[in-house]
């Protein structure tokens, strides 16, 4: 991993010791989600959310700084024009490909 701005008060070893197990569990949760998708009926296709999810995983692996910011930007709607009416209650979590 590339070294970012040294603004974290913890050492590399301290950070790993404090947070590794928490993030290991999150990785297993993501793996289980992907396994469930593999087993789901009617799967396939390219749901825009899963395309964004795959792109976010690519960002995690690219060894460049500011991953959290870049993933948030990837998943966020950057449009400035208001819409007349929301298509549903709640959020989608990613921007439909047609809105890119």
PDB file of N, CA and C in Angstrom:
ATOM      1  N   UNK A   1       0.832  -1.186   0.000  1.00  0.00           N
ATOM      2  CA  UNK A   1       0.000   0.000   0.000  1.00  0.00           C
ATOM      3  C   UNK A   1       0.871   1.242   0.000  1.00  0.00           C
ATOM      4  N   UNK A   2       0.480   2.212  -0.750  1.00  0.00           N
ATOM      5  CA  UNK A   2       1.241   3.451  -0.839  1.00  0.00           C
ATOM      6  C   UNK A   2       1.068   4.263   0.443  1.00  0.00           C
ATOM      7  N   UNK A   3       2.109   4.926   0.840  1.00  0.00           N
ATOM      8  CA  UNK A   3       2.042   5.779   2.017  1.00  0.00           C
ATOM      9  C   UNK A   3       1.304   7.065   1.674  1.00  0.00           C
ATOM     10  N   UNK A   4       0.341   7.396   2.503  1.00  0.00           N
ATOM     11  CA  UNK A   4      -0.417   8.634   2.310  1.00  0.00           C
ATOM     12  C   UNK A   4       0.171   9.685   3.245  1.00  0.00           C
ATOM     13  N   UNK A   5      -0.534  10.791   3.391  1.00  0.00           N
ATOM     14  CA  UNK A   5      -0.099  11.816   4.328  1.00  0.00           C
ATOM     15  C   UNK A   5      -0.013  11.201   5.722  1.00  0.00           C
ATOM     16  N   UNK A   6       1.096  11.391   6.425  1.00  0.00           N
ATOM     17  CA  UNK A   6       1.253  10.778   7.745  1.00  0.00           C
ATOM     18  C   UNK A   6       0.460  11.530   8.815  1.00  0.00           C
ATOM     19  N   UNK A   7      -0.862  11.505   8.712  1.00  0.00           N
ATOM     20  CA  UNK A   7      -1.692  12.232   9.667  1.00  0.00           C
ATOM     21  C   UNK A   7      -2.349  11.323  10.684  1.00  0.00           C
ATOM     22  N   UNK A   8      -2.208  10.024  10.553  1.00  0.00           N
ATOM     23  CA  UNK A   8      -2.786   9.088  11.510  1.00  0.00           C
ATOM     24  C   UNK A   8      -1.891   9.031  12.743  1.00  0.00           C
ATOM     25  N   UNK A   9      -2.459   9.196  13.924  1.00  0.00           N
ATOM     26  CA  UNK A   9      -1.623   9.174  15.131  1.00  0.00           C
ATOM     27  C   UNK A   9      -1.123   7.782  15.508  1.00  0.00           C
ATOM     28  N   UNK A  10      -1.657   6.749  14.857  1.00  0.00           N
ATOM     29  CA  UNK A  10      -1.248   5.383  15.164  1.00  0.00           C
ATOM     30  C   UNK A  10      -0.185   4.913  14.182  1.00  0.00           C
ATOM     31  N   UNK A  11       0.635   3.973  14.627  1.00  0.00           N
ATOM     32  CA  UNK A  11       1.584   3.351  13.715  1.00  0.00           C
ATOM     33  C   UNK A  11       0.847   2.314  12.877  1.00  0.00           C
ATOM     34  N   UNK A  12       1.503   1.867  11.831  1.00  0.00           N
ATOM     35  CA  UNK A  12       0.936   0.828  10.972  1.00  0.00           C
ATOM     36  C   UNK A  12       0.564  -0.392  11.814  1.00  0.00           C
ATOM     37  N   UNK A  13       1.486  -0.839  12.643  1.00  0.00           N
ATOM     38  CA  UNK A  13       1.245  -2.023  13.479  1.00  0.00           C
ATOM     39  C   UNK A  13       0.085  -1.805  14.446  1.00  0.00           C
ATOM     40  N   UNK A  14       0.008  -0.627  15.045  1.00  0.00           N
ATOM     41  CA  UNK A  14      -1.094  -0.330  15.973  1.00  0.00           C
ATOM     42  C   UNK A  14      -2.437  -0.348  15.250  1.00  0.00           C
ATOM     43  N   UNK A  15      -2.465   0.215  14.063  1.00  0.00           N
ATOM     44  CA  UNK A  15      -3.697   0.260  13.280  1.00  0.00           C
ATOM     45  C   UNK A  15      -4.163  -1.145  12.911  1.00  0.00           C
ATOM     46  N   UNK A  16      -3.238  -1.977  12.465  1.00  0.00           N
ATOM     47  CA  UNK A  16      -3.577  -3.360  12.120  1.00  0.00           C
ATOM     48  C   UNK A  16      -4.072  -4.092  13.362  1.00  0.00           C
ATOM     49  N   UNK A  17      -3.380  -3.941  14.456  1.00  0.00           N
ATOM     50  CA  UNK A  17      -3.771  -4.619  15.698  1.00  0.00           C
ATOM     51  C   UNK A  17      -5.168  -4.194  16.145  1.00  0.00           C
ATOM     52  N   UNK A  18      -5.476  -2.927  16.023  1.00  0.00           N
ATOM     53  CA  UNK A  18      -6.753  -2.400  16.508  1.00  0.00           C
ATOM     54  C   UNK A  18      -7.933  -2.719  15.592  1.00  0.00           C
ATOM     55  N   UNK A  19      -7.715  -2.769  14.283  1.00  0.00           N
ATOM     56  CA  UNK A  19      -8.852  -2.817  13.369  1.00  0.00           C
ATOM     57  C   UNK A  19      -8.901  -4.000  12.411  1.00  0.00           C
ATOM     58  N   UNK A  20      -7.886  -4.847  12.396  1.00  0.00           N
ATOM     59  CA  UNK A  20      -7.860  -5.929  11.421  1.00  0.00           C
ATOM     60  C   UNK A  20      -9.064  -6.859  11.536  1.00  0.00           C
ATOM     61  N   UNK A  21      -9.382  -7.318  12.735  1.00  0.00           N
ATOM     62  CA  UNK A  21     -10.485  -8.277  12.887  1.00  0.00           C
ATOM     63  C   UNK A  21     -11.829  -7.680  12.466  1.00  0.00           C
ATOM     64  N   UNK A  22     -12.045  -6.422  12.778  1.00  0.00           N
ATOM     65  CA  UNK A  22     -13.286  -5.746  12.361  1.00  0.00           C
ATOM     66  C   UNK A  22     -13.415  -5.752  10.839  1.00  0.00           C
ATOM     67  N   UNK A  23     -12.340  -5.438  10.152  1.00  0.00           N
ATOM     68  CA  UNK A  23     -12.393  -5.347   8.697  1.00  0.00           C
ATOM     69  C   UNK A  23     -12.327  -6.708   8.028  1.00  0.00           C
ATOM     70  N   UNK A  24     -11.725  -7.676   8.689  1.00  0.00           N
ATOM     71  CA  UNK A  24     -11.773  -9.059   8.221  1.00  0.00           C
ATOM     72  C   UNK A  24     -13.230  -9.519   8.161  1.00  0.00           C
ATOM     73  N   UNK A  25     -14.000  -9.200   9.192  1.00  0.00           N
ATOM     74  CA  UNK A  25     -15.418  -9.568   9.225  1.00  0.00           C
ATOM     75  C   UNK A  25     -16.191  -8.890   8.094  1.00  0.00           C
ATOM     76  N   UNK A  26     -15.853  -7.653   7.798  1.00  0.00           N
ATOM     77  CA  UNK A  26     -16.536  -6.946   6.699  1.00  0.00           C
ATOM     78  C   UNK A  26     -16.214  -7.586   5.357  1.00  0.00           C
ATOM     79  N   UNK A  27     -14.972  -8.025   5.177  1.00  0.00           N
ATOM     80  CA  UNK A  27     -14.610  -8.715   3.939  1.00  0.00           C
ATOM     81  C   UNK A  27     -15.388 -10.014   3.793  1.00  0.00           C
ATOM     82  N   UNK A  28     -15.524 -10.749   4.883  1.00  0.00           N
ATOM     83  CA  UNK A  28     -16.293 -11.996   4.847  1.00  0.00           C
ATOM     84  C   UNK A  28     -17.757 -11.716   4.540  1.00  0.00           C
ATOM     85  N   UNK A  29     -18.287 -10.624   5.054  1.00  0.00           N
ATOM     86  CA  UNK A  29     -19.665 -10.237   4.774  1.00  0.00           C
ATOM     87  C   UNK A  29     -19.851  -9.935   3.285  1.00  0.00           C
ATOM     88  N   UNK A  30     -18.911  -9.228   2.697  1.00  0.00           N
ATOM     89  CA  UNK A  30     -18.968  -8.934   1.260  1.00  0.00           C
ATOM     90  C   UNK A  30     -18.852 -10.217   0.456  1.00  0.00           C
ATOM     91  N   UNK A  31     -17.955 -11.108   0.853  1.00  0.00           N
ATOM     92  CA  UNK A  31     -17.799 -12.382   0.151  1.00  0.00           C
ATOM     93  C   UNK A  31     -19.093 -13.191   0.221  1.00  0.00           C
ATOM     94  N   UNK A  32     -19.743 -13.206   1.373  1.00  0.00           N
ATOM     95  CA  UNK A  32     -21.005 -13.934   1.518  1.00  0.00           C
ATOM     96  C   UNK A  32     -22.086 -13.323   0.628  1.00  0.00           C
ATOM     97  N   UNK A  33     -22.146 -12.005   0.552  1.00  0.00           N
ATOM     98  CA  UNK A  33     -23.104 -11.320  -0.333  1.00  0.00           C
ATOM     99  C   UNK A  33     -22.871 -11.731  -1.782  1.00  0.00           C
ATOM    100  N   UNK A  34     -21.615 -11.721  -2.213  1.00  0.00           N
ATOM    101  CA  UNK A  34     -21.303 -12.103  -3.591  1.00  0.00           C
ATOM    102  C   UNK A  34     -21.627 -13.575  -3.842  1.00  0.00           C
ATOM    103  N   UNK A  35     -21.389 -14.435  -2.862  1.00  0.00           N
ATOM    104  CA  UNK A  35     -21.752 -15.851  -3.000  1.00  0.00           C
ATOM    105  C   UNK A  35     -23.266 -16.019  -3.130  1.00  0.00           C
ATOM    106  N   UNK A  36     -24.037 -15.267  -2.341  1.00  0.00           N
ATOM    107  CA  UNK A  36     -25.504 -15.332  -2.452  1.00  0.00           C
ATOM    108  C   UNK A  36     -25.955 -14.866  -3.824  1.00  0.00           C
ATOM    109  N   UNK A  37     -25.336 -13.829  -4.349  1.00  0.00           N
ATOM    110  CA  UNK A  37     -25.679 -13.376  -5.707  1.00  0.00           C
ATOM    111  C   UNK A  37     -25.408 -14.466  -6.731  1.00  0.00           C
ATOM    112  N   UNK A  38     -24.296 -15.166  -6.579  1.00  0.00           N
ATOM    113  CA  UNK A  38     -23.963 -16.253  -7.496  1.00  0.00           C
ATOM    114  C   UNK A  38     -25.024 -17.348  -7.477  1.00  0.00           C
ATOM    115  N   UNK A  39     -25.622 -17.587  -6.313  1.00  0.00           N
ATOM    116  CA  UNK A  39     -26.606 -18.659  -6.175  1.00  0.00           C
ATOM    117  C   UNK A  39     -28.036 -18.216  -6.450  1.00  0.00           C
ATOM    118  N   UNK A  40     -28.264 -16.920  -6.580  1.00  0.00           N
ATOM    119  CA  UNK A  40     -29.621 -16.393  -6.732  1.00  0.00           C
ATOM    120  C   UNK A  40     -30.210 -16.753  -8.092  1.00  0.00           C
ATOM    121  N   UNK A  41     -31.503 -17.005  -8.098  1.00  0.00           N
ATOM    122  CA  UNK A  41     -32.228 -17.266  -9.346  1.00  0.00           C
ATOM    123  C   UNK A  41     -32.430 -15.954 -10.085  1.00  0.00           C
ATOM    124  N   UNK A  42     -32.507 -16.065 -11.403  1.00  0.00           N
ATOM    125  CA  UNK A  42     -32.753 -14.879 -12.213  1.00  0.00           C
ATOM    126  C   UNK A  42     -31.599 -13.908 -12.218  1.00  0.00           C
ATOM    127  N   UNK A  43     -30.434 -14.398 -11.895  1.00  0.00           N
ATOM    128  CA  UNK A  43     -29.259 -13.542 -11.829  1.00  0.00           C
ATOM    129  C   UNK A  43     -28.760 -13.158 -13.203  1.00  0.00           C
ATOM    130  N   UNK A  44     -27.586 -12.680 -13.227  1.00  0.00           N
ATOM    131  CA  UNK A  44     -26.991 -12.238 -14.477  1.00  0.00           C
ATOM    132  C   UNK A  44     -27.353 -10.797 -14.753  1.00  0.00           C
ATOM    133  N   UNK A  45     -27.134 -10.389 -15.938  1.00  0.00           N
ATOM    134  CA  UNK A  45     -27.385  -8.991 -16.268  1.00  0.00           C
ATOM    135  C   UNK A  45     -26.331  -8.111 -15.644  1.00  0.00           C
ATOM    136  N   UNK A  46     -26.511  -6.843 -15.797  1.00  0.00           N
ATOM    137  CA  UNK A  46     -25.526  -5.920 -15.234  1.00  0.00           C
ATOM    138  C   UNK A  46     -26.260  -4.815 -14.489  1.00  0.00           C
ATOM    139  N   UNK A  47     -26.740  -5.138 -13.300  1.00  0.00           N
ATOM    140  CA  UNK A  47     -27.375  -4.147 -12.438  1.00  0.00           C
ATOM    141  C   UNK A  47     -26.376  -3.028 -12.188  1.00  0.00           C
ATOM    142  N   UNK A  48     -26.799  -1.807 -12.366  1.00  0.00           N
ATOM    143  CA  UNK A  48     -25.886  -0.668 -12.241  1.00  0.00           C
ATOM    144  C   UNK A  48     -25.246  -0.609 -10.861  1.00  0.00           C
ATOM    145  N   UNK A  49     -25.951  -1.089  -9.845  1.00  0.00           N
ATOM    146  CA  UNK A  49     -25.377  -1.070  -8.503  1.00  0.00           C
ATOM    147  C   UNK A  49     -24.213  -2.040  -8.391  1.00  0.00           C
ATOM    148  N   UNK A  50     -24.342  -3.195  -9.042  1.00  0.00           N
ATOM    149  CA  UNK A  50     -23.260  -4.177  -8.982  1.00  0.00           C
ATOM    150  C   UNK A  50     -22.082  -3.754  -9.863  1.00  0.00           C
ATOM    151  N   UNK A  51     -22.364  -3.034 -10.937  1.00  0.00           N
ATOM    152  CA  UNK A  51     -21.279  -2.471 -11.744  1.00  0.00           C
ATOM    153  C   UNK A  51     -20.498  -1.470 -10.885  1.00  0.00           C
ATOM    154  N   UNK A  52     -21.217  -0.616 -10.160  1.00  0.00           N
ATOM    155  CA  UNK A  52     -20.561   0.351  -9.269  1.00  0.00           C
ATOM    156  C   UNK A  52     -19.808  -0.371  -8.149  1.00  0.00           C
ATOM    157  N   UNK A  53     -20.379  -1.453  -7.639  1.00  0.00           N
ATOM    158  CA  UNK A  53     -19.744  -2.242  -6.583  1.00  0.00           C
ATOM    159  C   UNK A  53     -18.411  -2.795  -7.077  1.00  0.00           C
ATOM    160  N   UNK A  54     -18.413  -3.339  -8.288  1.00  0.00           N
ATOM    161  CA  UNK A  54     -17.178  -3.894  -8.868  1.00  0.00           C
ATOM    162  C   UNK A  54     -16.140  -2.792  -9.078  1.00  0.00           C
ATOM    163  N   UNK A  55     -16.599  -1.629  -9.520  1.00  0.00           N
ATOM    164  CA  UNK A  55     -15.666  -0.513  -9.692  1.00  0.00           C
ATOM    165  C   UNK A  55     -15.083  -0.072  -8.355  1.00  0.00           C
ATOM    166  N   UNK A  56     -15.906  -0.114  -7.316  1.00  0.00           N
ATOM    167  CA  UNK A  56     -15.433   0.257  -5.980  1.00  0.00           C
ATOM    168  C   UNK A  56     -14.372  -0.733  -5.495  1.00  0.00           C
ATOM    169  N   UNK A  57     -14.571  -2.010  -5.774  1.00  0.00           N
ATOM    170  CA  UNK A  57     -13.568  -3.015  -5.405  1.00  0.00           C
ATOM    171  C   UNK A  57     -12.264  -2.741  -6.149  1.00  0.00           C
ATOM    172  N   UNK A  58     -12.366  -2.344  -7.408  1.00  0.00           N
ATOM    173  CA  UNK A  58     -11.156  -1.986  -8.167  1.00  0.00           C
ATOM    174  C   UNK A  58     -10.413  -0.831  -7.495  1.00  0.00           C
ATOM    175  N   UNK A  59     -11.170   0.148  -6.991  1.00  0.00           N
ATOM    176  CA  UNK A  59     -10.550   1.277  -6.296  1.00  0.00           C
ATOM    177  C   UNK A  59      -9.829   0.785  -5.033  1.00  0.00           C
ATOM    178  N   UNK A  60     -10.445  -0.144  -4.323  1.00  0.00           N
ATOM    179  CA  UNK A  60      -9.801  -0.684  -3.120  1.00  0.00           C
ATOM    180  C   UNK A  60      -8.446  -1.297  -3.431  1.00  0.00           C
ATOM    181  N   UNK A  61      -8.315  -1.884  -4.599  1.00  0.00           N
ATOM    182  CA  UNK A  61      -7.104  -2.609  -4.960  1.00  0.00           C
ATOM    183  C   UNK A  61      -6.086  -1.778  -5.739  1.00  0.00           C
ATOM    184  N   UNK A  62      -6.386  -0.536  -6.077  1.00  0.00           N
ATOM    185  CA  UNK A  62      -5.498   0.207  -6.983  1.00  0.00           C
ATOM    186  C   UNK A  62      -4.284   0.841  -6.315  1.00  0.00           C
ATOM    187  N   UNK A  63      -4.162   0.723  -5.005  1.00  0.00           N
ATOM    188  CA  UNK A  63      -2.980   1.194  -4.278  1.00  0.00           C
ATOM    189  C   UNK A  63      -2.737   2.698  -4.393  1.00  0.00           C
ATOM    190  N   UNK A  64      -3.798   3.439  -4.639  1.00  0.00           N
ATOM    191  CA  UNK A  64      -3.697   4.902  -4.669  1.00  0.00           C
ATOM    192  C   UNK A  64      -4.377   5.459  -3.425  1.00  0.00           C
ATOM    193  N   UNK A  65      -3.992   6.641  -2.977  1.00  0.00           N
ATOM    194  CA  UNK A  65      -4.581   7.205  -1.754  1.00  0.00           C
ATOM    195  C   UNK A  65      -6.024   7.679  -1.950  1.00  0.00           C
ATOM    196  N   UNK A  66      -6.638   8.018  -0.853  1.00  0.00           N
ATOM    197  CA  UNK A  66      -7.986   8.602  -0.817  1.00  0.00           C
ATOM    198  C   UNK A  66      -9.044   7.650  -1.356  1.00  0.00           C
ATOM    199  N   UNK A  67      -8.927   6.366  -1.008  1.00  0.00           N
ATOM    200  CA  UNK A  67      -9.889   5.373  -1.497  1.00  0.00           C
ATOM    201  C   UNK A  67     -11.311   5.685  -1.051  1.00  0.00           C
ATOM    202  N   UNK A  68     -11.490   6.038   0.215  1.00  0.00           N
ATOM    203  CA  UNK A  68     -12.838   6.306   0.725  1.00  0.00           C
ATOM    204  C   UNK A  68     -13.489   7.448  -0.055  1.00  0.00           C
ATOM    205  N   UNK A  69     -12.752   8.515  -0.268  1.00  0.00           N
ATOM    206  CA  UNK A  69     -13.297   9.649  -1.016  1.00  0.00           C
ATOM    207  C   UNK A  69     -13.641   9.253  -2.448  1.00  0.00           C
ATOM    208  N   UNK A  70     -12.737   8.510  -3.085  1.00  0.00           N
ATOM    209  CA  UNK A  70     -12.969   8.131  -4.475  1.00  0.00           C
ATOM    210  C   UNK A  70     -14.151   7.165  -4.621  1.00  0.00           C
ATOM    211  N   UNK A  71     -14.320   6.266  -3.650  1.00  0.00           N
ATOM    212  CA  UNK A  71     -15.469   5.360  -3.715  1.00  0.00           C
ATOM    213  C   UNK A  71     -16.757   6.130  -3.459  1.00  0.00           C
ATOM    214  N   UNK A  72     -16.751   7.038  -2.508  1.00  0.00           N
ATOM    215  CA  UNK A  72     -17.936   7.853  -2.262  1.00  0.00           C
ATOM    216  C   UNK A  72     -18.311   8.650  -3.512  1.00  0.00           C
ATOM    217  N   UNK A  73     -17.330   9.220  -4.174  1.00  0.00           N
ATOM    218  CA  UNK A  73     -17.597   9.959  -5.412  1.00  0.00           C
ATOM    219  C   UNK A  73     -18.130   9.036  -6.502  1.00  0.00           C
ATOM    220  N   UNK A  74     -17.605   7.832  -6.579  1.00  0.00           N
ATOM    221  CA  UNK A  74     -18.056   6.857  -7.563  1.00  0.00           C
ATOM    222  C   UNK A  74     -19.522   6.496  -7.347  1.00  0.00           C
ATOM    223  N   UNK A  75     -19.934   6.380  -6.099  1.00  0.00           N
ATOM    224  CA  UNK A  75     -21.296   5.954  -5.783  1.00  0.00           C
ATOM    225  C   UNK A  75     -22.287   7.108  -5.670  1.00  0.00           C
ATOM    226  N   UNK A  76     -21.805   8.335  -5.727  1.00  0.00           N
ATOM    227  CA  UNK A  76     -22.665   9.497  -5.505  1.00  0.00           C
ATOM    228  C   UNK A  76     -23.234  10.070  -6.791  1.00  0.00           C
ATOM    229  N   UNK A  77     -24.389  10.673  -6.653  1.00  0.00           N
ATOM    230  CA  UNK A  77     -25.042  11.366  -7.767  1.00  0.00           C
ATOM    231  C   UNK A  77     -24.489  12.796  -7.801  1.00  0.00           C
ATOM    232  N   UNK A  78     -23.839  13.153  -8.886  1.00  0.00           N
ATOM    233  CA  UNK A  78     -23.222  14.474  -9.005  1.00  0.00           C
ATOM    234  C   UNK A  78     -24.091  15.464  -9.780  1.00  0.00           C
ATOM    235  N   UNK A  79     -25.316  15.055 -10.096  1.00  0.00           N
ATOM    236  CA  UNK A  79     -26.171  15.975 -10.848  1.00  0.00           C
ATOM    237  C   UNK A  79     -26.560  17.160  -9.967  1.00  0.00           C
ATOM    238  N   UNK A  80     -26.718  18.303 -10.602  1.00  0.00           N
ATOM    239  CA  UNK A  80     -27.063  19.523  -9.878  1.00  0.00           C
ATOM    240  C   UNK A  80     -28.510  19.935 -10.113  1.00  0.00           C
ATOM    241  N   UNK A  81     -29.142  19.376 -11.133  1.00  0.00           N
ATOM    242  CA  UNK A  81     -30.517  19.740 -11.465  1.00  0.00           C
ATOM    243  C   UNK A  81     -31.502  18.937 -10.618  1.00  0.00           C
ATOM    244  N   UNK A  82     -32.431  19.628  -9.952  1.00  0.00           N
ATOM    245  CA  UNK A  82     -33.425  18.906  -9.149  1.00  0.00           C
ATOM    246  C   UNK A  82     -34.391  18.131 -10.051  1.00  0.00           C
ATOM    247  N   UNK A  83     -34.941  17.061  -9.512  1.00  0.00           N
ATOM    248  CA  UNK A  83     -35.941  16.294 -10.254  1.00  0.00           C
ATOM    249  C   UNK A  83     -37.317  16.670  -9.730  1.00  0.00           C
ATOM    250  N   UNK A  84     -38.338  16.482 -10.563  1.00  0.00           N
ATOM    251  CA  UNK A  84     -39.704  16.835 -10.172  1.00  0.00           C
ATOM    252  C   UNK A  84     -40.220  15.950  -9.040  1.00  0.00           C
ATOM    253  N   UNK A  85     -39.961  14.644  -9.176  1.00  0.00           N
ATOM    254  CA  UNK A  85     -40.492  13.706  -8.198  1.00  0.00           C
ATOM    255  C   UNK A  85     -39.546  12.518  -8.086  1.00  0.00           C
ATOM    256  N   UNK A  86     -39.316  12.089  -6.871  1.00  0.00           N
ATOM    257  CA  UNK A  86     -38.464  10.924  -6.649  1.00  0.00           C
ATOM    258  C   UNK A  86     -39.153   9.682  -7.207  1.00  0.00           C
ATOM    259  N   UNK A  87     -38.403   8.794  -7.866  1.00  0.00           N
ATOM    260  CA  UNK A  87     -39.002   7.603  -8.450  1.00  0.00           C
ATOM    261  C   UNK A  87     -39.430   6.574  -7.410  1.00  0.00           C
ATOM    262  N   UNK A  88     -38.934   6.711  -6.191  1.00  0.00           N
ATOM    263  CA  UNK A  88     -39.262   5.771  -5.126  1.00  0.00           C
ATOM    264  C   UNK A  88     -38.917   6.394  -3.794  1.00  0.00           C
ATOM    265  N   UNK A  89     -39.327   5.730  -2.724  1.00  0.00           N
ATOM    266  CA  UNK A  89     -38.965   6.188  -1.384  1.00  0.00           C
ATOM    267  C   UNK A  89     -37.629   5.542  -1.028  1.00  0.00           C
ATOM    268  N   UNK A  90     -36.674   6.327  -0.617  1.00  0.00           N
ATOM    269  CA  UNK A  90     -35.376   5.782  -0.245  1.00  0.00           C
ATOM    270  C   UNK A  90     -34.330   6.042  -1.306  1.00  0.00           C
ATOM    271  N   UNK A  91     -33.169   5.494  -1.067  1.00  0.00           N
ATOM    272  CA  UNK A  91     -32.030   5.705  -1.959  1.00  0.00           C
ATOM    273  C   UNK A  91     -31.639   4.398  -2.634  1.00  0.00           C
ATOM    274  N   UNK A  92     -30.938   4.515  -3.741  1.00  0.00           N
ATOM    275  CA  UNK A  92     -30.476   3.337  -4.481  1.00  0.00           C
ATOM    276  C   UNK A  92     -29.054   2.954  -4.084  1.00  0.00           C
ATOM    277  N   UNK A  93     -28.276   3.879  -3.596  1.00  0.00           N
ATOM    278  CA  UNK A  93     -26.922   3.585  -3.163  1.00  0.00           C
ATOM    279  C   UNK A  93     -25.858   3.726  -4.238  1.00  0.00           C
ATOM    280  N   UNK A  94     -26.287   3.905  -5.465  1.00  0.00           N
ATOM    281  CA  UNK A  94     -25.386   4.115  -6.583  1.00  0.00           C
ATOM    282  C   UNK A  94     -26.177   4.839  -7.664  1.00  0.00           C
ATOM    283  N   UNK A  95     -25.469   5.385  -8.616  1.00  0.00           N
ATOM    284  CA  UNK A  95     -26.106   6.150  -9.674  1.00  0.00           C
ATOM    285  C   UNK A  95     -26.352   5.224 -10.885  1.00  0.00           C
ATOM    286  N   UNK A  96     -27.581   5.202 -11.409  1.00  0.00           N
ATOM    287  CA  UNK A  96     -27.825   4.414 -12.617  1.00  0.00           C
ATOM    288  C   UNK A  96     -26.863   4.813 -13.725  1.00  0.00           C
ATOM    289  N   UNK A  97     -26.454   3.856 -14.523  1.00  0.00           N
ATOM    290  CA  UNK A  97     -25.473   4.106 -15.580  1.00  0.00           C
ATOM    291  C   UNK A  97     -25.898   5.208 -16.526  1.00  0.00           C
ATOM    292  N   UNK A  98     -27.194   5.323 -16.772  1.00  0.00           N
ATOM    293  CA  UNK A  98     -27.678   6.363 -17.682  1.00  0.00           C
ATOM    294  C   UNK A  98     -27.444   7.755 -17.130  1.00  0.00           C
ATOM    295  N   UNK A  99     -27.190   7.850 -15.814  1.00  0.00           N
ATOM    296  CA  UNK A  99     -26.959   9.159 -15.176  1.00  0.00           C
ATOM    297  C   UNK A  99     -25.487   9.514 -15.145  1.00  0.00           C
ATOM    298  N   UNK A 100     -24.614   8.647 -15.657  1.00  0.00           N
ATOM    299  CA  UNK A 100     -23.166   8.949 -15.637  1.00  0.00           C
ATOM    300  C   UNK A 100     -22.837  10.178 -16.410  1.00  0.00           C
TER     301      UNK A 100
END
